[in-house]
């Protein structure tokens, strides 16, 4: 009987001790820190994008195109360049953005000439956006143009380029949150304009490219350059048809204006001679 009481007492003591240890475990365990994923701030992203205006991109940045060839930004000097960052694993936003960019670029090529600008689509998911993936991405968008390059880059190169054009992106469990922008760069590699949105009207892209083309024509003192400059100046967007057309009324107004100025100058000159 005495032994039974001793065993029972030992069991009770052990149970109490174990309960005390278990009760003490939460207080002994170190608290697990909560790691919050970085969030995408749209206002800061827009400010960062606008701050890039006027910044000159490094000409020696190198990447690999969809055909496995090494390319540099310096190759695009001398004509306008449109830079569009995407990631190929995106199923909605990036493909739609590229589709609308293709439509606007097609209109710009018809208005300005395909040789006046190039397009560079850069994959910023550098682990997955290989040259093959970029090629497949281009093919699925129906893009096969020598003026449009789909680029794969290493992490450092992509980070440098996207920082310089003011593009913000944040990795998330579902992919990336990022700014939707296309950056227009002038012939000297300087950031000239930002075009925002997944779907945008053609003039948002065509008009800055047109201004750059006009500026380039203004620097050439030949008859062909003057004629081309007049053509570009008088080509306007028709919102009803969604197309650009040559506005003859602008030419007529210009000619009439010159005739009026000439008539006024002749009248002043004749009056001056009469008084002599």
C-alpha atoms as a PDB file:
ATOM      1  CA  UNK A   1       0.000   0.000   0.000  1.00  0.00           C
ATOM      2  CA  UNK A   2       2.830   2.373   0.901  1.00  0.00           C
ATOM      3  CA  UNK A   3       4.545   1.620  -2.426  1.00  0.00           C
ATOM      4  CA  UNK A   4       1.331   2.375  -4.365  1.00  0.00           C
ATOM      5  CA  UNK A   5       1.020   5.800  -2.689  1.00  0.00           C
ATOM      6  CA  UNK A   6       4.670   6.558  -3.434  1.00  0.00           C
ATOM      7  CA  UNK A   7       4.250   5.666  -7.147  1.00  0.00           C
ATOM      8  CA  UNK A   8       1.106   7.758  -7.396  1.00  0.00           C
ATOM      9  CA  UNK A   9       2.852  10.656  -5.706  1.00  0.00           C
ATOM     10  CA  UNK A  10       5.814  10.394  -8.058  1.00  0.00           C
ATOM     11  CA  UNK A  11       3.515  10.372 -11.069  1.00  0.00           C
ATOM     12  CA  UNK A  12       1.660  13.431  -9.824  1.00  0.00           C
ATOM     13  CA  UNK A  13       4.921  15.245  -9.176  1.00  0.00           C
ATOM     14  CA  UNK A  14       6.242  14.374 -12.644  1.00  0.00           C
ATOM     15  CA  UNK A  15       3.018  15.518 -14.292  1.00  0.00           C
ATOM     16  CA  UNK A  16       3.105  18.805 -12.418  1.00  0.00           C
ATOM     17  CA  UNK A  17       6.729  19.356 -13.351  1.00  0.00           C
ATOM     18  CA  UNK A  18       6.031  18.599 -17.021  1.00  0.00           C
ATOM     19  CA  UNK A  19       3.067  20.973 -16.985  1.00  0.00           C
ATOM     20  CA  UNK A  20       5.272  23.660 -15.528  1.00  0.00           C
ATOM     21  CA  UNK A  21       7.861  23.168 -18.267  1.00  0.00           C
ATOM     22  CA  UNK A  22       5.199  23.253 -20.991  1.00  0.00           C
ATOM     23  CA  UNK A  23       3.677  26.343 -19.495  1.00  0.00           C
ATOM     24  CA  UNK A  24       7.063  28.006 -19.448  1.00  0.00           C
ATOM     25  CA  UNK A  25       7.916  27.183 -23.090  1.00  0.00           C
ATOM     26  CA  UNK A  26       5.965  30.097 -24.685  1.00  0.00           C
ATOM     27  CA  UNK A  27       7.745  32.566 -22.467  1.00  0.00           C
ATOM     28  CA  UNK A  28      11.146  31.018 -23.194  1.00  0.00           C
ATOM     29  CA  UNK A  29      10.678  30.850 -26.997  1.00  0.00           C
ATOM     30  CA  UNK A  30      11.935  33.900 -28.890  1.00  0.00           C
ATOM     31  CA  UNK A  31       9.219  35.743 -30.804  1.00  0.00           C
ATOM     32  CA  UNK A  32       9.268  35.053 -34.557  1.00  0.00           C
ATOM     33  CA  UNK A  33       9.673  38.333 -36.464  1.00  0.00           C
ATOM     34  CA  UNK A  34       7.108  39.104 -39.139  1.00  0.00           C
ATOM     35  CA  UNK A  35       8.755  39.841 -42.472  1.00  0.00           C
ATOM     36  CA  UNK A  36       6.626  42.088 -44.627  1.00  0.00           C
ATOM     37  CA  UNK A  37       7.092  42.017 -48.393  1.00  0.00           C
ATOM     38  CA  UNK A  38       7.858  45.410 -49.944  1.00  0.00           C
ATOM     39  CA  UNK A  39       4.746  47.084 -51.290  1.00  0.00           C
ATOM     40  CA  UNK A  40       4.310  48.972 -54.544  1.00  0.00           C
ATOM     41  CA  UNK A  41       3.722  52.681 -54.009  1.00  0.00           C
ATOM     42  CA  UNK A  42       2.072  54.140 -57.112  1.00  0.00           C
ATOM     43  CA  UNK A  43       2.777  57.767 -56.172  1.00  0.00           C
ATOM     44  CA  UNK A  44       6.472  57.131 -55.562  1.00  0.00           C
ATOM     45  CA  UNK A  45       6.645  55.096 -58.769  1.00  0.00           C
ATOM     46  CA  UNK A  46       5.203  57.989 -60.769  1.00  0.00           C
ATOM     47  CA  UNK A  47       7.600  60.473 -59.163  1.00  0.00           C
ATOM     48  CA  UNK A  48      10.523  58.165 -59.893  1.00  0.00           C
ATOM     49  CA  UNK A  49       9.384  57.837 -63.494  1.00  0.00           C
ATOM     50  CA  UNK A  50       9.080  61.588 -64.022  1.00  0.00           C
ATOM     51  CA  UNK A  51      12.437  62.223 -62.355  1.00  0.00           C
ATOM     52  CA  UNK A  52      14.104  60.224 -65.154  1.00  0.00           C
ATOM     53  CA  UNK A  53      13.156  62.805 -67.803  1.00  0.00           C
ATOM     54  CA  UNK A  54      16.283  64.355 -69.272  1.00  0.00           C
ATOM     55  CA  UNK A  55      18.551  61.576 -68.029  1.00  0.00           C
ATOM     56  CA  UNK A  56      21.048  60.150 -70.522  1.00  0.00           C
ATOM     57  CA  UNK A  57      21.193  56.349 -70.680  1.00  0.00           C
ATOM     58  CA  UNK A  58      24.611  54.628 -70.723  1.00  0.00           C
ATOM     59  CA  UNK A  59      25.492  53.585 -74.266  1.00  0.00           C
ATOM     60  CA  UNK A  60      27.616  50.626 -73.146  1.00  0.00           C
ATOM     61  CA  UNK A  61      24.813  48.682 -71.443  1.00  0.00           C
ATOM     62  CA  UNK A  62      24.806  45.255 -73.118  1.00  0.00           C
ATOM     63  CA  UNK A  63      22.111  42.590 -73.356  1.00  0.00           C
ATOM     64  CA  UNK A  64      21.171  39.575 -75.470  1.00  0.00           C
ATOM     65  CA  UNK A  65      18.407  39.805 -78.059  1.00  0.00           C
ATOM     66  CA  UNK A  66      15.816  37.147 -78.917  1.00  0.00           C
ATOM     67  CA  UNK A  67      18.188  35.595 -81.459  1.00  0.00           C
ATOM     68  CA  UNK A  68      21.064  35.255 -79.003  1.00  0.00           C
ATOM     69  CA  UNK A  69      23.075  38.209 -80.333  1.00  0.00           C
ATOM     70  CA  UNK A  70      24.860  40.681 -78.082  1.00  0.00           C
ATOM     71  CA  UNK A  71      23.460  44.205 -78.391  1.00  0.00           C
ATOM     72  CA  UNK A  72      24.146  47.549 -76.714  1.00  0.00           C
ATOM     73  CA  UNK A  73      22.113  50.699 -76.163  1.00  0.00           C
ATOM     74  CA  UNK A  74      24.680  52.581 -78.199  1.00  0.00           C
ATOM     75  CA  UNK A  75      23.415  50.826 -81.332  1.00  0.00           C
ATOM     76  CA  UNK A  76      20.194  52.834 -81.112  1.00  0.00           C
ATOM     77  CA  UNK A  77      21.884  56.229 -81.070  1.00  0.00           C
ATOM     78  CA  UNK A  78      20.880  58.446 -83.978  1.00  0.00           C
ATOM     79  CA  UNK A  79      17.154  57.657 -83.871  1.00  0.00           C
ATOM     80  CA  UNK A  80      14.361  57.585 -81.325  1.00  0.00           C
ATOM     81  CA  UNK A  81      13.963  54.529 -79.116  1.00  0.00           C
ATOM     82  CA  UNK A  82      10.956  53.242 -77.186  1.00  0.00           C
ATOM     83  CA  UNK A  83      11.822  51.087 -74.157  1.00  0.00           C
ATOM     84  CA  UNK A  84       9.103  48.810 -72.769  1.00  0.00           C
ATOM     85  CA  UNK A  85       9.829  46.652 -69.660  1.00  0.00           C
ATOM     86  CA  UNK A  86       7.857  43.385 -69.286  1.00  0.00           C
ATOM     87  CA  UNK A  87       8.159  39.969 -67.693  1.00  0.00           C
ATOM     88  CA  UNK A  88       7.210  36.950 -69.780  1.00  0.00           C
ATOM     89  CA  UNK A  89       5.443  35.028 -67.003  1.00  0.00           C
ATOM     90  CA  UNK A  90       2.764  37.719 -66.844  1.00  0.00           C
ATOM     91  CA  UNK A  91      -0.503  36.467 -68.321  1.00  0.00           C
ATOM     92  CA  UNK A  92      -2.580  39.647 -68.418  1.00  0.00           C
ATOM     93  CA  UNK A  93      -1.017  43.087 -68.056  1.00  0.00           C
ATOM     94  CA  UNK A  94       2.264  42.712 -69.949  1.00  0.00           C
ATOM     95  CA  UNK A  95       0.844  40.914 -73.019  1.00  0.00           C
ATOM     96  CA  UNK A  96      -1.982  43.458 -73.303  1.00  0.00           C
ATOM     97  CA  UNK A  97       0.455  46.346 -72.908  1.00  0.00           C
ATOM     98  CA  UNK A  98       2.696  44.950 -75.658  1.00  0.00           C
ATOM     99  CA  UNK A  99      -0.293  44.428 -77.954  1.00  0.00           C
ATOM    100  CA  UNK A 100      -1.379  48.059 -77.634  1.00  0.00           C
ATOM    101  CA  UNK A 101       2.215  49.223 -78.013  1.00  0.00           C
ATOM    102  CA  UNK A 102       2.455  47.234 -81.244  1.00  0.00           C
ATOM    103  CA  UNK A 103      -0.680  48.924 -82.587  1.00  0.00           C
ATOM    104  CA  UNK A 104       0.657  52.385 -81.738  1.00  0.00           C
ATOM    105  CA  UNK A 105       4.079  51.538 -83.149  1.00  0.00           C
ATOM    106  CA  UNK A 106       2.487  50.351 -86.404  1.00  0.00           C
ATOM    107  CA  UNK A 107       0.694  53.699 -86.724  1.00  0.00           C
ATOM    108  CA  UNK A 108       3.911  55.580 -85.936  1.00  0.00           C
ATOM    109  CA  UNK A 109       5.787  53.592 -88.587  1.00  0.00           C
ATOM    110  CA  UNK A 110       3.180  54.507 -91.217  1.00  0.00           C
ATOM    111  CA  UNK A 111       3.241  58.193 -90.276  1.00  0.00           C
ATOM    112  CA  UNK A 112       6.940  58.713 -89.581  1.00  0.00           C
ATOM    113  CA  UNK A 113       8.629  55.835 -91.359  1.00  0.00           C
ATOM    114  CA  UNK A 114       9.808  52.609 -89.746  1.00  0.00           C
ATOM    115  CA  UNK A 115      13.443  53.728 -89.874  1.00  0.00           C
ATOM    116  CA  UNK A 116      12.869  56.781 -87.632  1.00  0.00           C
ATOM    117  CA  UNK A 117      12.579  54.804 -84.381  1.00  0.00           C
ATOM    118  CA  UNK A 118      13.157  51.418 -82.744  1.00  0.00           C
ATOM    119  CA  UNK A 119      11.434  49.550 -79.927  1.00  0.00           C
ATOM    120  CA  UNK A 120      13.263  47.676 -77.169  1.00  0.00           C
ATOM    121  CA  UNK A 121      11.247  45.321 -74.975  1.00  0.00           C
ATOM    122  CA  UNK A 122      13.275  44.309 -71.909  1.00  0.00           C
ATOM    123  CA  UNK A 123      12.524  41.347 -69.639  1.00  0.00           C
ATOM    124  CA  UNK A 124      13.093  42.344 -66.006  1.00  0.00           C
ATOM    125  CA  UNK A 125      12.459  38.876 -64.529  1.00  0.00           C
ATOM    126  CA  UNK A 126      16.080  38.072 -65.283  1.00  0.00           C
ATOM    127  CA  UNK A 127      15.950  34.518 -63.920  1.00  0.00           C
ATOM    128  CA  UNK A 128      13.193  33.448 -66.303  1.00  0.00           C
ATOM    129  CA  UNK A 129      13.261  35.951 -69.173  1.00  0.00           C
ATOM    130  CA  UNK A 130      15.816  34.126 -71.305  1.00  0.00           C
ATOM    131  CA  UNK A 131      16.380  34.938 -75.003  1.00  0.00           C
ATOM    132  CA  UNK A 132      14.193  31.957 -75.911  1.00  0.00           C
ATOM    133  CA  UNK A 133      11.386  33.146 -73.648  1.00  0.00           C
ATOM    134  CA  UNK A 134      11.656  36.646 -75.110  1.00  0.00           C
ATOM    135  CA  UNK A 135      11.503  35.202 -78.635  1.00  0.00           C
ATOM    136  CA  UNK A 136       8.398  33.184 -77.780  1.00  0.00           C
ATOM    137  CA  UNK A 137       6.853  36.250 -76.181  1.00  0.00           C
ATOM    138  CA  UNK A 138       7.416  38.246 -79.375  1.00  0.00           C
ATOM    139  CA  UNK A 139       6.025  35.480 -81.559  1.00  0.00           C
ATOM    140  CA  UNK A 140       2.881  35.117 -79.463  1.00  0.00           C
ATOM    141  CA  UNK A 141       2.282  38.879 -79.859  1.00  0.00           C
ATOM    142  CA  UNK A 142       2.695  38.616 -83.627  1.00  0.00           C
ATOM    143  CA  UNK A 143       5.764  40.870 -83.699  1.00  0.00           C
ATOM    144  CA  UNK A 144       8.479  40.206 -86.270  1.00  0.00           C
ATOM    145  CA  UNK A 145      10.161  43.489 -87.119  1.00  0.00           C
ATOM    146  CA  UNK A 146      13.863  44.322 -87.502  1.00  0.00           C
ATOM    147  CA  UNK A 147      13.126  47.592 -85.690  1.00  0.00           C
ATOM    148  CA  UNK A 148      11.799  45.800 -82.584  1.00  0.00           C
ATOM    149  CA  UNK A 149      14.259  44.039 -80.263  1.00  0.00           C
ATOM    150  CA  UNK A 150      13.280  41.759 -77.376  1.00  0.00           C
ATOM    151  CA  UNK A 151      16.100  41.770 -74.849  1.00  0.00           C
ATOM    152  CA  UNK A 152      17.269  39.442 -72.102  1.00  0.00           C
ATOM    153  CA  UNK A 153      19.717  40.855 -69.559  1.00  0.00           C
ATOM    154  CA  UNK A 154      21.568  39.892 -66.422  1.00  0.00           C
ATOM    155  CA  UNK A 155      20.326  41.253 -63.104  1.00  0.00           C
ATOM    156  CA  UNK A 156      22.822  44.114 -62.859  1.00  0.00           C
ATOM    157  CA  UNK A 157      22.197  45.321 -66.402  1.00  0.00           C
ATOM    158  CA  UNK A 158      18.419  45.168 -66.046  1.00  0.00           C
ATOM    159  CA  UNK A 159      18.584  46.953 -62.697  1.00  0.00           C
ATOM    160  CA  UNK A 160      20.750  49.738 -64.126  1.00  0.00           C
ATOM    161  CA  UNK A 161      18.641  50.262 -67.237  1.00  0.00           C
ATOM    162  CA  UNK A 162      15.300  50.232 -65.426  1.00  0.00           C
ATOM    163  CA  UNK A 163      16.598  52.537 -62.714  1.00  0.00           C
ATOM    164  CA  UNK A 164      17.789  55.027 -65.330  1.00  0.00           C
ATOM    165  CA  UNK A 165      14.452  55.054 -67.182  1.00  0.00           C
ATOM    166  CA  UNK A 166      12.599  55.441 -63.878  1.00  0.00           C
ATOM    167  CA  UNK A 167      10.817  52.085 -63.948  1.00  0.00           C
ATOM    168  CA  UNK A 168       9.676  50.697 -60.575  1.00  0.00           C
ATOM    169  CA  UNK A 169       8.894  47.015 -59.943  1.00  0.00           C
ATOM    170  CA  UNK A 170       8.417  44.918 -56.795  1.00  0.00           C
ATOM    171  CA  UNK A 171       8.462  41.105 -56.531  1.00  0.00           C
ATOM    172  CA  UNK A 172       5.318  39.575 -55.000  1.00  0.00           C
ATOM    173  CA  UNK A 173       4.127  35.986 -54.402  1.00  0.00           C
ATOM    174  CA  UNK A 174       2.078  36.207 -57.601  1.00  0.00           C
ATOM    175  CA  UNK A 175       4.756  37.774 -59.780  1.00  0.00           C
ATOM    176  CA  UNK A 176       5.564  41.485 -59.892  1.00  0.00           C
ATOM    177  CA  UNK A 177       3.775  44.725 -59.161  1.00  0.00           C
ATOM    178  CA  UNK A 178       5.180  47.346 -61.508  1.00  0.00           C
ATOM    179  CA  UNK A 179       4.705  50.629 -63.275  1.00  0.00           C
ATOM    180  CA  UNK A 180       3.094  50.317 -66.697  1.00  0.00           C
ATOM    181  CA  UNK A 181       5.180  52.606 -68.845  1.00  0.00           C
ATOM    182  CA  UNK A 182       6.971  52.940 -72.141  1.00  0.00           C
ATOM    183  CA  UNK A 183       9.915  55.332 -72.231  1.00  0.00           C
ATOM    184  CA  UNK A 184      10.640  57.423 -75.313  1.00  0.00           C
ATOM    185  CA  UNK A 185      14.365  58.144 -75.717  1.00  0.00           C
ATOM    186  CA  UNK A 186      15.761  60.688 -78.177  1.00  0.00           C
ATOM    187  CA  UNK A 187      18.536  60.165 -80.719  1.00  0.00           C
ATOM    188  CA  UNK A 188      21.201  61.071 -78.149  1.00  0.00           C
ATOM    189  CA  UNK A 189      20.006  58.502 -75.611  1.00  0.00           C
ATOM    190  CA  UNK A 190      18.221  61.004 -73.378  1.00  0.00           C
ATOM    191  CA  UNK A 191      14.863  60.163 -71.750  1.00  0.00           C
ATOM    192  CA  UNK A 192      12.348  62.391 -73.543  1.00  0.00           C
ATOM    193  CA  UNK A 193       8.852  61.246 -72.586  1.00  0.00           C
ATOM    194  CA  UNK A 194       7.013  58.619 -70.503  1.00  0.00           C
ATOM    195  CA  UNK A 195       3.876  56.916 -71.835  1.00  0.00           C
ATOM    196  CA  UNK A 196       1.692  55.356 -69.149  1.00  0.00           C
ATOM    197  CA  UNK A 197      -1.071  52.799 -69.134  1.00  0.00           C
ATOM    198  CA  UNK A 198      -1.944  49.342 -70.339  1.00  0.00           C
ATOM    199  CA  UNK A 199      -4.141  50.772 -73.096  1.00  0.00           C
ATOM    200  CA  UNK A 200      -3.359  54.200 -74.479  1.00  0.00           C
ATOM    201  CA  UNK A 201      -4.303  56.327 -77.473  1.00  0.00           C
ATOM    202  CA  UNK A 202      -1.866  56.301 -80.375  1.00  0.00           C
ATOM    203  CA  UNK A 203      -0.997  60.055 -80.127  1.00  0.00           C
ATOM    204  CA  UNK A 204       0.518  59.489 -76.677  1.00  0.00           C
ATOM    205  CA  UNK A 205       3.316  57.606 -78.422  1.00  0.00           C
ATOM    206  CA  UNK A 206       3.219  58.979 -81.961  1.00  0.00           C
ATOM    207  CA  UNK A 207       3.274  62.687 -81.055  1.00  0.00           C
ATOM    208  CA  UNK A 208       6.556  62.632 -79.072  1.00  0.00           C
ATOM    209  CA  UNK A 209       8.121  60.487 -81.802  1.00  0.00           C
ATOM    210  CA  UNK A 210       6.830  62.999 -84.343  1.00  0.00           C
ATOM    211  CA  UNK A 211       8.388  65.910 -82.428  1.00  0.00           C
ATOM    212  CA  UNK A 212      11.709  64.085 -82.295  1.00  0.00           C
ATOM    213  CA  UNK A 213      11.518  63.381 -86.024  1.00  0.00           C
ATOM    214  CA  UNK A 214      10.713  67.064 -86.737  1.00  0.00           C
ATOM    215  CA  UNK A 215      13.676  68.160 -84.633  1.00  0.00           C
ATOM    216  CA  UNK A 216      15.912  65.820 -86.570  1.00  0.00           C
ATOM    217  CA  UNK A 217      14.628  67.128 -89.917  1.00  0.00           C
ATOM    218  CA  UNK A 218      15.140  70.724 -88.776  1.00  0.00           C
ATOM    219  CA  UNK A 219      18.837  70.041 -88.432  1.00  0.00           C
ATOM    220  CA  UNK A 220      19.184  68.990 -92.088  1.00  0.00           C
ATOM    221  CA  UNK A 221      19.385  71.873 -94.590  1.00  0.00           C
ATOM    222  CA  UNK A 222      18.173  70.122 -97.750  1.00  0.00           C
ATOM    223  CA  UNK A 223      15.047  70.462 -99.855  1.00  0.00           C
ATOM    224  CA  UNK A 224      14.026  66.878 -99.096  1.00  0.00           C
ATOM    225  CA  UNK A 225      14.350  67.558 -95.354  1.00  0.00           C
ATOM    226  CA  UNK A 226      12.180  70.684 -95.674  1.00  0.00           C
ATOM    227  CA  UNK A 227       9.511  68.789 -97.604  1.00  0.00           C
ATOM    228  CA  UNK A 228       9.593  65.941 -95.092  1.00  0.00           C
ATOM    229  CA  UNK A 229       9.368  68.432 -92.241  1.00  0.00           C
ATOM    230  CA  UNK A 230       6.270  70.023 -93.774  1.00  0.00           C
ATOM    231  CA  UNK A 231       4.715  66.598 -94.258  1.00  0.00           C
ATOM    232  CA  UNK A 232       5.313  65.662 -90.638  1.00  0.00           C
ATOM    233  CA  UNK A 233       4.094  69.013 -89.359  1.00  0.00           C
ATOM    234  CA  UNK A 234       0.868  68.792 -91.330  1.00  0.00           C
ATOM    235  CA  UNK A 235       0.102  65.191 -90.436  1.00  0.00           C
ATOM    236  CA  UNK A 236      -2.511  65.263 -87.681  1.00  0.00           C
ATOM    237  CA  UNK A 237      -4.497  62.702 -85.706  1.00  0.00           C
ATOM    238  CA  UNK A 238      -8.181  62.233 -86.560  1.00  0.00           C
ATOM    239  CA  UNK A 239      -9.961  60.944 -83.423  1.00  0.00           C
ATOM    240  CA  UNK A 240     -13.032  59.914 -85.454  1.00  0.00           C
ATOM    241  CA  UNK A 241     -11.158  57.455 -87.621  1.00  0.00           C
ATOM    242  CA  UNK A 242      -8.340  56.765 -85.150  1.00  0.00           C
ATOM    243  CA  UNK A 243      -5.822  57.468 -87.904  1.00  0.00           C
ATOM    244  CA  UNK A 244      -3.334  60.135 -88.899  1.00  0.00           C
ATOM    245  CA  UNK A 245      -3.983  62.127 -92.056  1.00  0.00           C
ATOM    246  CA  UNK A 246      -2.344  64.960 -93.981  1.00  0.00           C
ATOM    247  CA  UNK A 247      -4.184  68.207 -93.250  1.00  0.00           C
ATOM    248  CA  UNK A 248      -4.053  70.330 -96.423  1.00  0.00           C
ATOM    249  CA  UNK A 249      -5.729  73.234 -94.657  1.00  0.00           C
ATOM    250  CA  UNK A 250      -2.554  73.761 -92.638  1.00  0.00           C
ATOM    251  CA  UNK A 251      -0.552  74.128 -95.850  1.00  0.00           C
ATOM    252  CA  UNK A 252      -3.123  76.528 -97.318  1.00  0.00           C
ATOM    253  CA  UNK A 253      -3.145  78.572 -94.105  1.00  0.00           C
ATOM    254  CA  UNK A 254       0.646  78.671 -94.137  1.00  0.00           C
ATOM    255  CA  UNK A 255       0.777  79.832 -97.773  1.00  0.00           C
ATOM    256  CA  UNK A 256      -1.944  82.437 -97.230  1.00  0.00           C
ATOM    257  CA  UNK A 257      -0.087  83.684 -94.175  1.00  0.00           C
ATOM    258  CA  UNK A 258       3.116  84.068 -96.167  1.00  0.00           C
ATOM    259  CA  UNK A 259       1.247  85.918 -98.920  1.00  0.00           C
ATOM    260  CA  UNK A 260      -0.303  88.277 -96.372  1.00  0.00           C
ATOM    261  CA  UNK A 261       3.064  88.956 -94.783  1.00  0.00           C
ATOM    262  CA  UNK A 262       4.568  89.516 -98.235  1.00  0.00           C
ATOM    263  CA  UNK A 263       1.782  91.936 -99.157  1.00  0.00           C
ATOM    264  CA  UNK A 264       2.236  93.887 -95.928  1.00  0.00           C
ATOM    265  CA  UNK A 265       5.992  94.048 -96.451  1.00  0.00           C
ATOM    266  CA  UNK A 266       5.501  95.271-100.054  1.00  0.00           C
ATOM    267  CA  UNK A 267       3.022  97.963 -98.937  1.00  0.00           C
ATOM    268  CA  UNK A 268       5.413  99.219 -96.248  1.00  0.00           C
ATOM    269  CA  UNK A 269       8.311  99.262 -98.686  1.00  0.00           C
ATOM    270  CA  UNK A 270       6.283 101.173-101.332  1.00  0.00           C
ATOM    271  CA  UNK A 271       5.110 103.678 -98.749  1.00  0.00           C
ATOM    272  CA  UNK A 272       8.663 104.239 -97.572  1.00  0.00           C
ATOM    273  CA  UNK A 273       9.913 104.831-101.116  1.00  0.00           C
ATOM    274  CA  UNK A 274       7.036 107.286-101.840  1.00  0.00           C
ATOM    275  CA  UNK A 275       8.081 109.427 -98.906  1.00  0.00           C
ATOM    276  CA  UNK A 276      11.686 109.610-100.071  1.00  0.00           C
END
